[in-house]
Amino acid sequence: MARKRQPLRGNAKIGLEIGAVLDKHKMAKHFALDITDTSFGFTRKTDAITAEAALHGLYVVRTSLPATVLDDTATVRSYKSLEWHMRQRLAPMLYDDTDKEVAEALRSSVVAKVERSPAAVTKQTTGRTDDGLPIHSFRTLLDDLATLTRNTLVTAIAPRQPFTLAARPTPLQQKAHDLLGLTRTQ
């Protein structure tokens, strides 16, 4: 027999329940809430919802170069090229096939389905690189790399002398840095 749930009482308890739902669905910014000890009401923030919807699916690429050097079209083209170059350099860590010549040689004809090279099949089935690191999609690797931080810190002893501390990269992050030819800065 199902147990009947008691009505919530108290604005703190009601607020906690509502907060959990809003947090789960990442929707808090879209609603104005009215919570009392015995009730709950909400209204949609239609202006904010409309403004966000207008930007949905858009991203901004910005440069400090003047338009005479790099106009809007060239800026976007350069950005897309950068992602392509990154993907090429990071290919050993990705599910991408790094041995295209072997894969091409496995095709029975130019119109036949592209075959994956044995190296790509091994990466796919083991989920590991040759040196034992986990294989990623381009997006999940970027997400992992985004966790690296560079923190500006101050101490109680010398509060006017901030210093920068870079997080130590994981072996996976270090491999990506090595493939991209990046040097670690403090």
N, C-alpha and C. Protein backbone atom coordinates (compact mmCIF):
# COMPACT_ATOMS: atom_id res chain seq x y z
N MET A 1 0.84 -1.17 0.00
CA MET A 1 0.00 0.00 0.00
C MET A 1 0.89 1.24 0.00
N ALA A 2 0.61 2.16 -0.90
CA ALA A 2 1.41 3.38 -1.02
C ALA A 2 1.16 4.29 0.16
N ARG A 3 2.23 4.87 0.63
CA ARG A 3 2.15 5.77 1.78
C ARG A 3 1.79 7.17 1.27
N LYS A 4 0.80 7.80 1.89
CA LYS A 4 0.37 9.12 1.49
C LYS A 4 1.38 10.14 1.99
N ARG A 5 1.78 11.02 1.11
CA ARG A 5 2.77 12.04 1.45
C ARG A 5 2.07 13.21 2.14
N GLN A 6 2.66 13.65 3.23
CA GLN A 6 2.13 14.78 3.98
C GLN A 6 2.44 16.08 3.24
N PRO A 7 1.52 17.04 3.28
CA PRO A 7 1.81 18.33 2.63
C PRO A 7 3.00 19.01 3.30
N LEU A 8 3.78 19.69 2.51
CA LEU A 8 4.92 20.42 3.05
C LEU A 8 4.44 21.67 3.77
N ARG A 9 5.07 21.97 4.87
CA ARG A 9 4.77 23.18 5.64
C ARG A 9 6.08 23.89 5.95
N GLY A 10 6.06 25.18 5.88
CA GLY A 10 7.25 25.97 6.20
C GLY A 10 7.98 26.36 4.93
N ASN A 11 8.31 27.66 4.81
CA ASN A 11 8.93 28.11 3.56
C ASN A 11 10.30 27.47 3.32
N ALA A 12 11.03 27.10 4.37
CA ALA A 12 12.34 26.46 4.17
C ALA A 12 12.18 25.08 3.55
N LYS A 13 11.24 24.27 4.06
CA LYS A 13 11.03 22.93 3.51
C LYS A 13 10.50 23.00 2.08
N ILE A 14 9.55 23.90 1.86
CA ILE A 14 9.00 24.06 0.51
C ILE A 14 10.11 24.52 -0.43
N GLY A 15 10.92 25.49 0.02
CA GLY A 15 12.01 26.01 -0.81
C GLY A 15 13.03 24.95 -1.16
N LEU A 16 13.34 24.06 -0.22
CA LEU A 16 14.29 22.98 -0.50
C LEU A 16 13.77 22.03 -1.56
N GLU A 17 12.50 21.68 -1.47
CA GLU A 17 11.90 20.77 -2.47
C GLU A 17 11.88 21.42 -3.85
N ILE A 18 11.47 22.67 -3.91
CA ILE A 18 11.42 23.38 -5.20
C ILE A 18 12.83 23.55 -5.75
N GLY A 19 13.76 23.91 -4.88
CA GLY A 19 15.14 24.09 -5.31
C GLY A 19 15.73 22.84 -5.92
N ALA A 20 15.39 21.69 -5.35
CA ALA A 20 15.90 20.42 -5.89
C ALA A 20 15.39 20.19 -7.31
N VAL A 21 14.12 20.49 -7.54
CA VAL A 21 13.54 20.31 -8.88
C VAL A 21 14.14 21.30 -9.86
N LEU A 22 14.22 22.56 -9.47
CA LEU A 22 14.79 23.57 -10.36
C LEU A 22 16.25 23.28 -10.68
N ASP A 23 17.01 22.83 -9.68
CA ASP A 23 18.41 22.50 -9.90
C ASP A 23 18.56 21.31 -10.83
N LYS A 24 17.72 20.31 -10.65
CA LYS A 24 17.78 19.11 -11.48
C LYS A 24 17.57 19.45 -12.95
N HIS A 25 16.66 20.38 -13.20
CA HIS A 25 16.32 20.74 -14.59
C HIS A 25 17.01 22.03 -15.05
N LYS A 26 17.84 22.62 -14.19
CA LYS A 26 18.58 23.85 -14.52
C LYS A 26 17.65 24.94 -15.04
N MET A 27 16.57 25.21 -14.29
CA MET A 27 15.55 26.14 -14.75
C MET A 27 15.32 27.33 -13.81
N ALA A 28 16.05 27.45 -12.74
CA ALA A 28 15.78 28.48 -11.73
C ALA A 28 15.75 29.88 -12.33
N LYS A 29 16.63 30.16 -13.28
CA LYS A 29 16.69 31.50 -13.85
C LYS A 29 15.45 31.88 -14.65
N HIS A 30 14.60 30.91 -14.95
CA HIS A 30 13.41 31.18 -15.76
C HIS A 30 12.15 31.44 -14.95
N PHE A 31 12.22 31.38 -13.62
CA PHE A 31 11.02 31.52 -12.79
C PHE A 31 11.23 32.48 -11.63
N ALA A 32 10.19 33.27 -11.35
CA ALA A 32 10.14 34.08 -10.13
C ALA A 32 9.28 33.30 -9.15
N LEU A 33 9.79 33.06 -7.96
CA LEU A 33 9.11 32.21 -6.99
C LEU A 33 8.50 33.04 -5.86
N ASP A 34 7.36 32.55 -5.36
CA ASP A 34 6.71 33.16 -4.19
C ASP A 34 6.42 32.02 -3.22
N ILE A 35 7.22 31.93 -2.16
CA ILE A 35 7.12 30.82 -1.21
C ILE A 35 6.75 31.38 0.16
N THR A 36 5.70 30.82 0.75
CA THR A 36 5.32 31.18 2.12
C THR A 36 5.33 29.91 2.96
N ASP A 37 4.93 30.01 4.20
CA ASP A 37 4.89 28.83 5.07
C ASP A 37 3.87 27.80 4.63
N THR A 38 2.85 28.23 3.87
CA THR A 38 1.78 27.29 3.50
C THR A 38 1.52 27.21 2.01
N SER A 39 2.26 27.98 1.20
CA SER A 39 1.94 27.96 -0.24
C SER A 39 3.18 28.21 -1.09
N PHE A 40 2.99 27.96 -2.35
CA PHE A 40 4.04 28.17 -3.33
C PHE A 40 3.39 28.67 -4.61
N GLY A 41 3.96 29.71 -5.18
CA GLY A 41 3.50 30.22 -6.47
C GLY A 41 4.70 30.58 -7.33
N PHE A 42 4.50 30.64 -8.62
CA PHE A 42 5.60 31.00 -9.51
C PHE A 42 5.04 31.70 -10.74
N THR A 43 5.89 32.50 -11.36
CA THR A 43 5.58 33.09 -12.66
C THR A 43 6.80 32.91 -13.55
N ARG A 44 6.55 32.74 -14.82
CA ARG A 44 7.64 32.59 -15.78
C ARG A 44 8.25 33.94 -16.09
N LYS A 45 9.56 34.01 -16.20
CA LYS A 45 10.25 35.23 -16.60
C LYS A 45 10.34 35.22 -18.13
N THR A 46 9.26 35.63 -18.77
CA THR A 46 9.15 35.49 -20.22
C THR A 46 10.21 36.30 -20.98
N ASP A 47 10.57 37.48 -20.47
CA ASP A 47 11.60 38.27 -21.15
C ASP A 47 12.94 37.54 -21.16
N ALA A 48 13.31 36.97 -20.01
CA ALA A 48 14.57 36.24 -19.92
C ALA A 48 14.53 34.97 -20.78
N ILE A 49 13.39 34.29 -20.80
CA ILE A 49 13.24 33.08 -21.61
C ILE A 49 13.37 33.42 -23.09
N THR A 50 12.72 34.50 -23.51
CA THR A 50 12.78 34.92 -24.92
C THR A 50 14.20 35.33 -25.31
N ALA A 51 14.87 36.07 -24.42
CA ALA A 51 16.24 36.50 -24.71
C ALA A 51 17.19 35.31 -24.84
N GLU A 52 17.03 34.33 -23.97
CA GLU A 52 17.89 33.14 -24.04
C GLU A 52 17.59 32.32 -25.29
N ALA A 53 16.31 32.22 -25.63
CA ALA A 53 15.93 31.45 -26.83
C ALA A 53 16.54 32.07 -28.09
N ALA A 54 16.64 33.41 -28.10
CA ALA A 54 17.22 34.07 -29.27
C ALA A 54 18.70 33.73 -29.43
N LEU A 55 19.37 33.40 -28.33
CA LEU A 55 20.80 33.07 -28.38
C LEU A 55 21.07 31.58 -28.45
N HIS A 56 20.05 30.76 -28.29
CA HIS A 56 20.24 29.32 -28.25
C HIS A 56 20.90 28.83 -29.54
N GLY A 57 21.97 28.10 -29.39
CA GLY A 57 22.66 27.54 -30.54
C GLY A 57 23.70 28.48 -31.14
N LEU A 58 23.88 29.65 -30.56
CA LEU A 58 24.86 30.60 -31.06
C LEU A 58 26.10 30.60 -30.18
N TYR A 59 27.21 30.94 -30.76
CA TYR A 59 28.41 31.16 -29.98
C TYR A 59 29.12 32.37 -30.55
N VAL A 60 29.98 32.96 -29.76
CA VAL A 60 30.66 34.19 -30.15
C VAL A 60 32.15 33.91 -30.27
N VAL A 61 32.72 34.35 -31.37
CA VAL A 61 34.16 34.28 -31.57
C VAL A 61 34.63 35.72 -31.65
N ARG A 62 35.57 36.07 -30.79
CA ARG A 62 36.02 37.45 -30.69
C ARG A 62 37.53 37.50 -30.88
N THR A 63 37.99 38.56 -31.51
CA THR A 63 39.42 38.75 -31.70
C THR A 63 39.80 40.18 -31.37
N SER A 64 41.03 40.38 -30.99
CA SER A 64 41.51 41.73 -30.72
C SER A 64 42.08 42.38 -31.99
N LEU A 65 42.15 41.62 -33.06
CA LEU A 65 42.69 42.16 -34.31
C LEU A 65 41.65 43.05 -34.99
N PRO A 66 42.10 44.12 -35.65
CA PRO A 66 41.14 44.97 -36.37
C PRO A 66 40.58 44.25 -37.59
N ALA A 67 39.40 44.65 -38.02
CA ALA A 67 38.72 44.01 -39.16
C ALA A 67 39.55 44.11 -40.44
N THR A 68 40.42 45.11 -40.55
CA THR A 68 41.27 45.22 -41.74
C THR A 68 42.29 44.09 -41.80
N VAL A 69 42.62 43.51 -40.65
CA VAL A 69 43.56 42.40 -40.60
C VAL A 69 42.83 41.07 -40.64
N LEU A 70 41.75 40.96 -39.88
CA LEU A 70 40.98 39.71 -39.79
C LEU A 70 39.51 40.06 -39.65
N ASP A 71 38.77 40.02 -40.77
CA ASP A 71 37.35 40.39 -40.72
C ASP A 71 36.53 39.25 -40.12
N ASP A 72 35.20 39.45 -40.01
CA ASP A 72 34.32 38.48 -39.36
C ASP A 72 34.43 37.09 -39.99
N THR A 73 34.36 37.03 -41.30
CA THR A 73 34.41 35.74 -41.99
C THR A 73 35.74 35.04 -41.75
N ALA A 74 36.82 35.78 -41.85
CA ALA A 74 38.15 35.20 -41.64
C ALA A 74 38.33 34.76 -40.19
N THR A 75 37.73 35.49 -39.25
CA THR A 75 37.81 35.12 -37.83
C THR A 75 37.15 33.77 -37.60
N VAL A 76 35.94 33.60 -38.12
CA VAL A 76 35.22 32.32 -37.96
C VAL A 76 35.97 31.21 -38.68
N ARG A 77 36.46 31.46 -39.87
CA ARG A 77 37.20 30.45 -40.63
C ARG A 77 38.46 30.03 -39.86
N SER A 78 39.16 30.99 -39.28
CA SER A 78 40.36 30.68 -38.49
C SER A 78 40.03 29.85 -37.27
N TYR A 79 38.91 30.20 -36.61
CA TYR A 79 38.49 29.44 -35.43
C TYR A 79 38.16 28.00 -35.80
N LYS A 80 37.41 27.82 -36.87
CA LYS A 80 37.06 26.45 -37.29
C LYS A 80 38.29 25.68 -37.71
N SER A 81 39.22 26.34 -38.35
CA SER A 81 40.47 25.69 -38.74
C SER A 81 41.26 25.27 -37.51
N LEU A 82 41.25 26.11 -36.48
CA LEU A 82 41.95 25.79 -35.24
C LEU A 82 41.40 24.49 -34.66
N GLU A 83 40.04 24.35 -34.61
CA GLU A 83 39.45 23.12 -34.07
C GLU A 83 39.86 21.92 -34.90
N TRP A 84 39.93 22.07 -36.23
CA TRP A 84 40.32 20.98 -37.10
C TRP A 84 41.76 20.58 -36.82
N HIS A 85 42.64 21.55 -36.69
CA HIS A 85 44.04 21.26 -36.41
C HIS A 85 44.21 20.60 -35.04
N MET A 86 43.47 21.08 -34.05
CA MET A 86 43.52 20.45 -32.73
C MET A 86 43.10 19.00 -32.81
N ARG A 87 42.01 18.76 -33.52
CA ARG A 87 41.50 17.39 -33.64
C ARG A 87 42.53 16.49 -34.31
N GLN A 88 43.19 16.99 -35.33
CA GLN A 88 44.22 16.20 -36.02
C GLN A 88 45.37 15.85 -35.07
N ARG A 89 45.82 16.82 -34.29
CA ARG A 89 46.93 16.56 -33.38
C ARG A 89 46.53 15.64 -32.23
N LEU A 90 45.26 15.75 -31.79
CA LEU A 90 44.79 14.94 -30.67
C LEU A 90 44.27 13.57 -31.11
N ALA A 91 44.26 13.29 -32.39
CA ALA A 91 43.69 12.04 -32.93
C ALA A 91 44.16 10.78 -32.22
N PRO A 92 45.43 10.66 -31.79
CA PRO A 92 45.83 9.44 -31.09
C PRO A 92 45.05 9.20 -29.78
N MET A 93 44.45 10.25 -29.23
CA MET A 93 43.71 10.12 -27.98
C MET A 93 42.19 10.00 -28.22
N LEU A 94 41.80 10.13 -29.48
CA LEU A 94 40.38 10.15 -29.84
C LEU A 94 39.99 8.86 -30.54
N TYR A 95 38.69 8.65 -30.68
CA TYR A 95 38.20 7.49 -31.42
C TYR A 95 38.50 7.60 -32.91
N ASP A 96 39.00 8.73 -33.36
CA ASP A 96 39.30 8.95 -34.77
C ASP A 96 40.31 7.92 -35.28
N ASP A 97 40.18 7.59 -36.54
CA ASP A 97 41.11 6.65 -37.17
C ASP A 97 42.38 7.40 -37.54
N THR A 98 43.50 7.00 -36.99
CA THR A 98 44.77 7.67 -37.26
C THR A 98 45.57 7.00 -38.36
N ASP A 99 45.07 5.90 -38.88
CA ASP A 99 45.79 5.17 -39.93
C ASP A 99 44.91 5.08 -41.18
N LYS A 100 44.63 6.24 -41.76
CA LYS A 100 43.70 6.31 -42.89
C LYS A 100 44.21 5.58 -44.13
N GLU A 101 45.51 5.54 -44.30
CA GLU A 101 46.07 4.84 -45.47
C GLU A 101 45.76 3.35 -45.41
N VAL A 102 45.90 2.75 -44.23
CA VAL A 102 45.57 1.33 -44.08
C VAL A 102 44.07 1.13 -44.26
N ALA A 103 43.27 2.02 -43.68
CA ALA A 103 41.82 1.92 -43.82
C ALA A 103 41.42 2.01 -45.29
N GLU A 104 42.04 2.91 -46.01
CA GLU A 104 41.73 3.07 -47.44
C GLU A 104 42.13 1.82 -48.22
N ALA A 105 43.25 1.22 -47.85
CA ALA A 105 43.70 0.01 -48.54
C ALA A 105 42.76 -1.16 -48.30
N LEU A 106 42.00 -1.15 -47.21
CA LEU A 106 41.06 -2.23 -46.90
C LEU A 106 39.76 -2.14 -47.71
N ARG A 107 39.51 -0.99 -48.33
CA ARG A 107 38.28 -0.82 -49.12
C ARG A 107 38.38 -1.63 -50.41
N SER A 108 37.28 -2.26 -50.76
CA SER A 108 37.28 -3.05 -52.00
C SER A 108 37.14 -2.17 -53.23
N SER A 109 36.54 -1.00 -53.09
CA SER A 109 36.44 -0.05 -54.20
C SER A 109 36.24 1.34 -53.62
N VAL A 110 36.38 2.33 -54.47
CA VAL A 110 36.27 3.71 -54.03
C VAL A 110 34.85 4.05 -53.54
N VAL A 111 33.85 3.29 -53.99
CA VAL A 111 32.47 3.55 -53.56
C VAL A 111 32.04 2.66 -52.40
N ALA A 112 32.90 1.74 -51.99
CA ALA A 112 32.56 0.86 -50.87
C ALA A 112 32.65 1.63 -49.55
N LYS A 113 31.97 1.11 -48.56
CA LYS A 113 31.98 1.70 -47.24
C LYS A 113 33.43 1.78 -46.72
N VAL A 114 33.75 2.89 -46.09
CA VAL A 114 35.09 3.06 -45.53
C VAL A 114 35.27 2.09 -44.38
N GLU A 115 36.37 1.38 -44.41
CA GLU A 115 36.71 0.45 -43.33
C GLU A 115 37.57 1.17 -42.31
N ARG A 116 37.47 0.73 -41.07
CA ARG A 116 38.36 1.27 -40.02
C ARG A 116 39.62 0.43 -40.00
N SER A 117 40.73 1.09 -39.76
CA SER A 117 42.01 0.39 -39.70
C SER A 117 42.04 -0.48 -38.44
N PRO A 118 42.89 -1.49 -38.43
CA PRO A 118 43.03 -2.31 -37.22
C PRO A 118 43.37 -1.48 -35.98
N ALA A 119 44.18 -0.42 -36.15
CA ALA A 119 44.51 0.45 -35.02
C ALA A 119 43.26 1.12 -34.46
N ALA A 120 42.37 1.58 -35.34
CA ALA A 120 41.13 2.23 -34.91
C ALA A 120 40.20 1.23 -34.23
N VAL A 121 40.13 0.02 -34.76
CA VAL A 121 39.29 -1.02 -34.15
C VAL A 121 39.81 -1.35 -32.76
N THR A 122 41.13 -1.42 -32.61
CA THR A 122 41.72 -1.70 -31.29
C THR A 122 41.37 -0.59 -30.30
N LYS A 123 41.49 0.68 -30.74
CA LYS A 123 41.12 1.80 -29.87
C LYS A 123 39.64 1.70 -29.47
N GLN A 124 38.80 1.38 -30.45
CA GLN A 124 37.36 1.30 -30.20
C GLN A 124 37.02 0.18 -29.22
N THR A 125 37.62 -0.97 -29.40
CA THR A 125 37.25 -2.12 -28.57
C THR A 125 37.88 -2.09 -27.17
N THR A 126 39.09 -1.55 -27.07
CA THR A 126 39.73 -1.51 -25.75
C THR A 126 39.39 -0.24 -24.98
N GLY A 127 39.06 0.83 -25.70
CA GLY A 127 38.80 2.10 -25.04
C GLY A 127 40.06 2.74 -24.48
N ARG A 128 41.22 2.29 -24.97
CA ARG A 128 42.52 2.78 -24.45
C ARG A 128 43.45 3.15 -25.60
N THR A 129 44.33 4.10 -25.31
CA THR A 129 45.38 4.46 -26.26
C THR A 129 46.50 3.42 -26.17
N ASP A 130 47.48 3.53 -27.03
CA ASP A 130 48.63 2.62 -26.98
C ASP A 130 49.36 2.67 -25.64
N ASP A 131 49.33 3.85 -25.00
CA ASP A 131 50.00 3.97 -23.71
C ASP A 131 49.05 3.84 -22.52
N GLY A 132 47.85 3.27 -22.77
CA GLY A 132 46.95 2.91 -21.68
C GLY A 132 46.00 3.99 -21.19
N LEU A 133 46.01 5.16 -21.81
CA LEU A 133 45.09 6.22 -21.39
C LEU A 133 43.71 5.99 -22.01
N PRO A 134 42.65 6.50 -21.38
CA PRO A 134 41.32 6.29 -21.94
C PRO A 134 41.12 7.09 -23.23
N ILE A 135 40.43 6.47 -24.18
CA ILE A 135 40.07 7.12 -25.44
C ILE A 135 38.89 8.05 -25.18
N HIS A 136 38.86 9.16 -25.89
CA HIS A 136 37.80 10.16 -25.74
C HIS A 136 37.19 10.53 -27.08
N SER A 137 36.01 11.12 -27.03
CA SER A 137 35.51 11.87 -28.18
C SER A 137 36.18 13.24 -28.09
N PHE A 138 36.14 14.01 -29.14
CA PHE A 138 36.75 15.33 -29.12
C PHE A 138 36.12 16.18 -28.02
N ARG A 139 34.80 16.13 -27.90
CA ARG A 139 34.08 16.93 -26.91
C ARG A 139 34.44 16.52 -25.48
N THR A 140 34.48 15.21 -25.19
CA THR A 140 34.78 14.80 -23.81
C THR A 140 36.23 15.10 -23.45
N LEU A 141 37.13 15.05 -24.44
CA LEU A 141 38.52 15.42 -24.16
C LEU A 141 38.61 16.91 -23.85
N LEU A 142 37.91 17.74 -24.61
CA LEU A 142 37.90 19.17 -24.31
C LEU A 142 37.31 19.44 -22.94
N ASP A 143 36.26 18.70 -22.59
CA ASP A 143 35.66 18.85 -21.25
C ASP A 143 36.68 18.50 -20.17
N ASP A 144 37.44 17.44 -20.39
CA ASP A 144 38.47 17.04 -19.42
C ASP A 144 39.55 18.11 -19.32
N LEU A 145 39.99 18.62 -20.47
CA LEU A 145 41.03 19.65 -20.47
C LEU A 145 40.53 20.95 -19.81
N ALA A 146 39.24 21.19 -19.86
CA ALA A 146 38.68 22.41 -19.27
C ALA A 146 38.75 22.40 -17.75
N THR A 147 39.06 21.27 -17.15
CA THR A 147 39.15 21.21 -15.69
C THR A 147 40.50 21.70 -15.16
N LEU A 148 41.46 21.91 -16.06
CA LEU A 148 42.74 22.47 -15.63
C LEU A 148 42.53 23.92 -15.21
N THR A 149 43.13 24.30 -14.12
CA THR A 149 42.93 25.67 -13.63
C THR A 149 44.26 26.37 -13.42
N ARG A 150 44.19 27.67 -13.45
CA ARG A 150 45.31 28.53 -13.06
C ARG A 150 44.73 29.49 -12.03
N ASN A 151 45.16 29.35 -10.80
CA ASN A 151 44.59 30.09 -9.68
C ASN A 151 45.51 31.21 -9.23
N THR A 152 44.92 32.37 -8.96
CA THR A 152 45.66 33.47 -8.36
C THR A 152 45.35 33.43 -6.87
N LEU A 153 46.40 33.32 -6.07
CA LEU A 153 46.26 33.14 -4.64
C LEU A 153 46.93 34.26 -3.87
N VAL A 154 46.43 34.50 -2.66
CA VAL A 154 47.07 35.41 -1.72
C VAL A 154 47.17 34.70 -0.39
N THR A 155 48.14 35.07 0.40
CA THR A 155 48.29 34.47 1.72
C THR A 155 48.06 35.55 2.78
N ALA A 156 47.77 35.10 3.98
CA ALA A 156 47.59 36.03 5.10
C ALA A 156 48.90 36.75 5.41
N ILE A 157 50.00 36.09 5.19
CA ILE A 157 51.31 36.67 5.47
C ILE A 157 51.64 37.81 4.49
N ALA A 158 51.28 37.62 3.22
CA ALA A 158 51.60 38.63 2.19
C ALA A 158 50.37 38.88 1.31
N PRO A 159 49.33 39.50 1.87
CA PRO A 159 48.09 39.67 1.11
C PRO A 159 48.22 40.58 -0.11
N ARG A 160 49.25 41.39 -0.17
CA ARG A 160 49.43 42.30 -1.32
C ARG A 160 50.36 41.71 -2.38
N GLN A 161 50.73 40.46 -2.20
CA GLN A 161 51.62 39.82 -3.17
C GLN A 161 50.96 38.53 -3.69
N PRO A 162 50.01 38.68 -4.58
CA PRO A 162 49.35 37.48 -5.12
C PRO A 162 50.33 36.68 -5.98
N PHE A 163 50.09 35.40 -6.06
CA PHE A 163 50.89 34.55 -6.92
C PHE A 163 49.97 33.59 -7.67
N THR A 164 50.47 33.09 -8.77
CA THR A 164 49.68 32.20 -9.62
C THR A 164 50.16 30.77 -9.44
N LEU A 165 49.19 29.87 -9.32
CA LEU A 165 49.49 28.46 -9.18
C LEU A 165 48.69 27.69 -10.22
N ALA A 166 49.38 27.00 -11.11
CA ALA A 166 48.70 26.20 -12.13
C ALA A 166 48.49 24.79 -11.60
N ALA A 167 47.32 24.24 -11.87
CA ALA A 167 47.04 22.86 -11.46
C ALA A 167 47.97 21.92 -12.22
N ARG A 168 48.37 20.86 -11.57
CA ARG A 168 49.21 19.85 -12.21
C ARG A 168 48.32 19.01 -13.13
N PRO A 169 48.65 18.91 -14.40
CA PRO A 169 47.80 18.13 -15.31
C PRO A 169 47.85 16.64 -14.99
N THR A 170 46.73 15.99 -15.24
CA THR A 170 46.69 14.53 -15.12
C THR A 170 47.52 13.95 -16.26
N PRO A 171 47.86 12.67 -16.22
CA PRO A 171 48.59 12.08 -17.36
C PRO A 171 47.87 12.27 -18.69
N LEU A 172 46.54 12.17 -18.68
CA LEU A 172 45.76 12.37 -19.91
C LEU A 172 45.90 13.81 -20.40
N GLN A 173 45.77 14.77 -19.49
CA GLN A 173 45.89 16.17 -19.87
C GLN A 173 47.30 16.50 -20.34
N GLN A 174 48.32 15.90 -19.70
CA GLN A 174 49.69 16.14 -20.12
C GLN A 174 49.93 15.59 -21.52
N LYS A 175 49.37 14.41 -21.82
CA LYS A 175 49.51 13.83 -23.16
C LYS A 175 48.90 14.77 -24.21
N ALA A 176 47.72 15.31 -23.90
CA ALA A 176 47.08 16.24 -24.83
C ALA A 176 47.95 17.48 -25.03
N HIS A 177 48.51 18.00 -23.95
CA HIS A 177 49.40 19.16 -24.06
C HIS A 177 50.60 18.83 -24.92
N ASP A 178 51.17 17.65 -24.72
CA ASP A 178 52.33 17.23 -25.50
C ASP A 178 51.97 17.14 -26.99
N LEU A 179 50.82 16.54 -27.30
CA LEU A 179 50.41 16.41 -28.70
C LEU A 179 50.15 17.77 -29.35
N LEU A 180 49.67 18.72 -28.54
CA LEU A 180 49.39 20.07 -29.06
C LEU A 180 50.63 20.95 -29.06
N GLY A 181 51.72 20.46 -28.46
CA GLY A 181 52.95 21.25 -28.42
C GLY A 181 52.88 22.41 -27.44
N LEU A 182 52.08 22.25 -26.38
CA LEU A 182 51.94 23.31 -25.39
C LEU A 182 52.96 23.12 -24.28
N THR A 183 53.42 24.23 -23.74
CA THR A 183 54.32 24.17 -22.61
C THR A 183 53.55 24.63 -21.39
N ARG A 184 53.91 24.09 -20.27
CA ARG A 184 53.25 24.44 -19.03
C ARG A 184 53.77 25.76 -18.52
N THR A 185 52.83 26.66 -18.14
CA THR A 185 53.24 27.95 -17.59
C THR A 185 52.75 28.05 -16.16
N GLN A 186 53.52 28.74 -15.37
CA GLN A 186 53.12 28.97 -13.97
C GLN A 186 52.56 30.35 -13.82
